[in-house]
Amino acid sequence: MTPDESTGTRSGEAHALSALEAHVGETSARWLGGILCGLTLASSYLCVVHFVAGRGVVAWDPTIPLDRAIPAVPGAIWLYMTNILYYLACVLFLPAGVAATKALIVIWRSLFIVIAISLTVFLLCPAEVALRDQMHAALVGRGAALHAIYDGLYQLDPPFNAWPSGHVSQTLVMALFLARIWSRRPWRRIVLWIAWISMAISIVLTKQHLLFDLVTGIALGAIAWRLWVLPHLPASFSPAGNEVSGHLESTP
């Protein structure tokens, strides 16, 4: 895609969202767009991971001894499930205005690129996370709620969602975006990064992922931010932007 084509695509997306805003309002349009984005990401992921699981082909095993040395922590599932909060926060804390809407579209587009790369890897180089026996053992004697959550998770998400971890790569992009929004709110940024690091670590504590998945997820998220987000953010979302202070101070 040429720069002109890319610019045209982003402009078309912005016009489409602007048209929706004219009918339902800015806030409602953003939430509707976010819901559509989330459903598309989730459905595409589930379709591919269930296809790979049904095929049952494993290309290689990136498991290392440290993966089994890390204890299974059933309660880490609560941190694991906080990934949904990043999708919500990107809309909830977004400043008002056209520039902010364009920035949100940039984030959504980057998430689609990230999921496309991840799903391609799942299909071409599948790896199985064969660690769930550790969690089954750790769940013995634990409450019914935890058993129900893990049972539901295992039915929904087969253990072929290995690398790179979308849980990590996508939330890293959104965490960096939120950190940019909160550039003048240091305490929010501190809480944000403590929460994100805890969530990232939870993917290995829940035995949903390997350490390799964590590392490659971070790498993919960082690459996505550098290549597909930063160059395309409106000037007001740049540290050098003249409007940045006004935008961020109006953030809830």
Foldseek 3Di string as FASTA:
>chain_A
DDPVVVVVVLVVVLVVLVVVCVVVNNLVSLVVVLVVLVVVLLVVVLVLQVVLVVVVDAQDAPADPVLQVQAADLVLVVLQVCLVVLSVCLSQQQFDDSLSVSLVVLLSVLLVVLSVVQSVCLVPHWYFLPRVVRVVVVCVPPDPVSVVVVVVCCVRGPRRSEAQNSSQQSSLLSLVLVCLLVVVPVVVNVVSVVSNVSNLVSCSNNSSYHVNNSVRSNVNNVCSCVPRRVVRRPLLSDPPRPNVVVRSVNGD
